């Protein structure tokens, strides 16, 4: 685990968009706000961090947009585990 990789991952705008979409698919009425609440737990998840770090090491300039790096299933599982309930 690298704090540098986690930080890059958490600030990846393309990944943030995908996480927002997952929050919306889970029923969030404010998916962008929900994304902000879960982006760090998603980024620190061991599966996401390892895949993201590997992609960066391989020279992938857009790992957050690459569905073969961070899969929708990985995003969904981590969003479901961390999405706070709607008020």
C-alpha atoms as a PDB file:
ATOM      1  CA  UNK A   1       0.000   0.000   0.000  1.00  0.00           C
ATOM      2  CA  UNK A   2       1.299   3.408  -0.964  1.00  0.00           C
ATOM      3  CA  UNK A   3      -0.124   6.607   0.435  1.00  0.00           C
ATOM      4  CA  UNK A   4       0.970   8.332  -2.777  1.00  0.00           C
ATOM      5  CA  UNK A   5      -1.050   5.878  -4.883  1.00  0.00           C
ATOM      6  CA  UNK A   6      -4.087   6.203  -2.617  1.00  0.00           C
ATOM      7  CA  UNK A   7      -3.921   9.995  -2.870  1.00  0.00           C
ATOM      8  CA  UNK A   8      -3.629   9.929  -6.669  1.00  0.00           C
ATOM      9  CA  UNK A   9      -6.507   7.452  -6.846  1.00  0.00           C
ATOM     10  CA  UNK A  10      -8.774   9.497  -4.563  1.00  0.00           C
ATOM     11  CA  UNK A  11      -8.208  12.609  -6.684  1.00  0.00           C
ATOM     12  CA  UNK A  12      -8.681  10.852 -10.044  1.00  0.00           C
ATOM     13  CA  UNK A  13     -11.576  12.742 -11.644  1.00  0.00           C
ATOM     14  CA  UNK A  14     -12.401   9.854 -13.977  1.00  0.00           C
ATOM     15  CA  UNK A  15     -12.631   7.428 -11.067  1.00  0.00           C
ATOM     16  CA  UNK A  16     -14.678   9.953  -9.081  1.00  0.00           C
ATOM     17  CA  UNK A  17     -17.192  10.034 -11.928  1.00  0.00           C
ATOM     18  CA  UNK A  18     -17.480   6.260 -11.902  1.00  0.00           C
ATOM     19  CA  UNK A  19     -17.907   6.225  -8.120  1.00  0.00           C
ATOM     20  CA  UNK A  20     -20.621   8.910  -8.427  1.00  0.00           C
ATOM     21  CA  UNK A  21     -22.394   6.707 -10.975  1.00  0.00           C
ATOM     22  CA  UNK A  22     -22.215   3.766  -8.561  1.00  0.00           C
ATOM     23  CA  UNK A  23     -23.657   5.934  -5.788  1.00  0.00           C
ATOM     24  CA  UNK A  24     -26.496   6.951  -8.104  1.00  0.00           C
ATOM     25  CA  UNK A  25     -27.165   3.337  -9.037  1.00  0.00           C
ATOM     26  CA  UNK A  26     -27.417   2.550  -5.331  1.00  0.00           C
ATOM     27  CA  UNK A  27     -30.176   5.141  -4.951  1.00  0.00           C
ATOM     28  CA  UNK A  28     -28.293   8.161  -3.693  1.00  0.00           C
ATOM     29  CA  UNK A  29     -30.257  11.344  -4.297  1.00  0.00           C
ATOM     30  CA  UNK A  30     -27.002  13.321  -4.221  1.00  0.00           C
ATOM     31  CA  UNK A  31     -24.476  11.050  -5.958  1.00  0.00           C
ATOM     32  CA  UNK A  32     -21.667  13.616  -6.070  1.00  0.00           C
ATOM     33  CA  UNK A  33     -21.949  14.279  -2.338  1.00  0.00           C
ATOM     34  CA  UNK A  34     -22.120  10.540  -1.695  1.00  0.00           C
ATOM     35  CA  UNK A  35     -19.014  10.054  -3.843  1.00  0.00           C
ATOM     36  CA  UNK A  36     -17.146  12.537  -1.655  1.00  0.00           C
ATOM     37  CA  UNK A  37     -18.147  10.486   1.396  1.00  0.00           C
ATOM     38  CA  UNK A  38     -16.855   7.200  -0.050  1.00  0.00           C
ATOM     39  CA  UNK A  39     -13.970   8.091  -2.376  1.00  0.00           C
ATOM     40  CA  UNK A  40     -11.321   7.618   0.317  1.00  0.00           C
ATOM     41  CA  UNK A  41     -12.614   4.230   1.507  1.00  0.00           C
ATOM     42  CA  UNK A  42     -12.873   3.126  -2.135  1.00  0.00           C
ATOM     43  CA  UNK A  43      -9.342   4.352  -2.882  1.00  0.00           C
ATOM     44  CA  UNK A  44      -7.819   2.679   0.178  1.00  0.00           C
ATOM     45  CA  UNK A  45      -9.540  -0.664  -0.470  1.00  0.00           C
ATOM     46  CA  UNK A  46      -6.818  -3.237  -1.033  1.00  0.00           C
ATOM     47  CA  UNK A  47      -8.196  -4.465  -4.363  1.00  0.00           C
ATOM     48  CA  UNK A  48      -8.584  -0.966  -5.794  1.00  0.00           C
ATOM     49  CA  UNK A  49      -5.237   0.290  -4.504  1.00  0.00           C
ATOM     50  CA  UNK A  50      -3.335  -2.741  -5.814  1.00  0.00           C
ATOM     51  CA  UNK A  51      -4.943  -2.552  -9.260  1.00  0.00           C
ATOM     52  CA  UNK A  52      -4.434   1.194  -9.454  1.00  0.00           C
ATOM     53  CA  UNK A  53      -0.777   0.967  -8.390  1.00  0.00           C
ATOM     54  CA  UNK A  54      -0.115  -1.789 -10.920  1.00  0.00           C
ATOM     55  CA  UNK A  55      -1.662   0.264 -13.708  1.00  0.00           C
ATOM     56  CA  UNK A  56       0.390   3.320 -12.804  1.00  0.00           C
ATOM     57  CA  UNK A  57       3.572   1.228 -12.749  1.00  0.00           C
ATOM     58  CA  UNK A  58       2.685  -0.105 -16.215  1.00  0.00           C
ATOM     59  CA  UNK A  59       2.357   3.436 -17.559  1.00  0.00           C
ATOM     60  CA  UNK A  60      -1.444   3.625 -17.722  1.00  0.00           C
ATOM     61  CA  UNK A  61      -2.196   7.349 -17.637  1.00  0.00           C
ATOM     62  CA  UNK A  62      -5.924   6.888 -16.963  1.00  0.00           C
ATOM     63  CA  UNK A  63      -6.367   3.966 -14.562  1.00  0.00           C
ATOM     64  CA  UNK A  64      -9.544   5.433 -13.078  1.00  0.00           C
ATOM     65  CA  UNK A  65     -11.264   5.392 -16.447  1.00  0.00           C
ATOM     66  CA  UNK A  66      -9.984   1.950 -17.412  1.00  0.00           C
ATOM     67  CA  UNK A  67     -12.628  -0.650 -16.573  1.00  0.00           C
ATOM     68  CA  UNK A  68     -10.028  -3.413 -16.895  1.00  0.00           C
ATOM     69  CA  UNK A  69      -8.005  -1.850 -14.063  1.00  0.00           C
ATOM     70  CA  UNK A  70     -10.629  -0.848 -11.513  1.00  0.00           C
ATOM     71  CA  UNK A  71     -13.694  -2.840 -12.445  1.00  0.00           C
ATOM     72  CA  UNK A  72     -17.266  -1.747 -11.925  1.00  0.00           C
ATOM     73  CA  UNK A  73     -17.629  -4.709  -9.570  1.00  0.00           C
ATOM     74  CA  UNK A  74     -14.763  -3.467  -7.410  1.00  0.00           C
ATOM     75  CA  UNK A  75     -16.265   0.011  -7.283  1.00  0.00           C
ATOM     76  CA  UNK A  76     -19.760  -1.259  -6.502  1.00  0.00           C
ATOM     77  CA  UNK A  77     -18.621  -3.594  -3.729  1.00  0.00           C
ATOM     78  CA  UNK A  78     -16.651  -0.837  -2.031  1.00  0.00           C
ATOM     79  CA  UNK A  79     -19.423   1.741  -2.474  1.00  0.00           C
ATOM     80  CA  UNK A  80     -21.995  -0.660  -1.015  1.00  0.00           C
ATOM     81  CA  UNK A  81     -19.730  -1.328   1.964  1.00  0.00           C
ATOM     82  CA  UNK A  82     -19.199   2.376   2.682  1.00  0.00           C
ATOM     83  CA  UNK A  83     -22.190   4.347   1.384  1.00  0.00           C
ATOM     84  CA  UNK A  84     -23.855   6.166   4.276  1.00  0.00           C
ATOM     85  CA  UNK A  85     -27.639   5.873   4.548  1.00  0.00           C
ATOM     86  CA  UNK A  86     -29.748   8.654   3.078  1.00  0.00           C
ATOM     87  CA  UNK A  87     -30.944  11.175   5.697  1.00  0.00           C
END
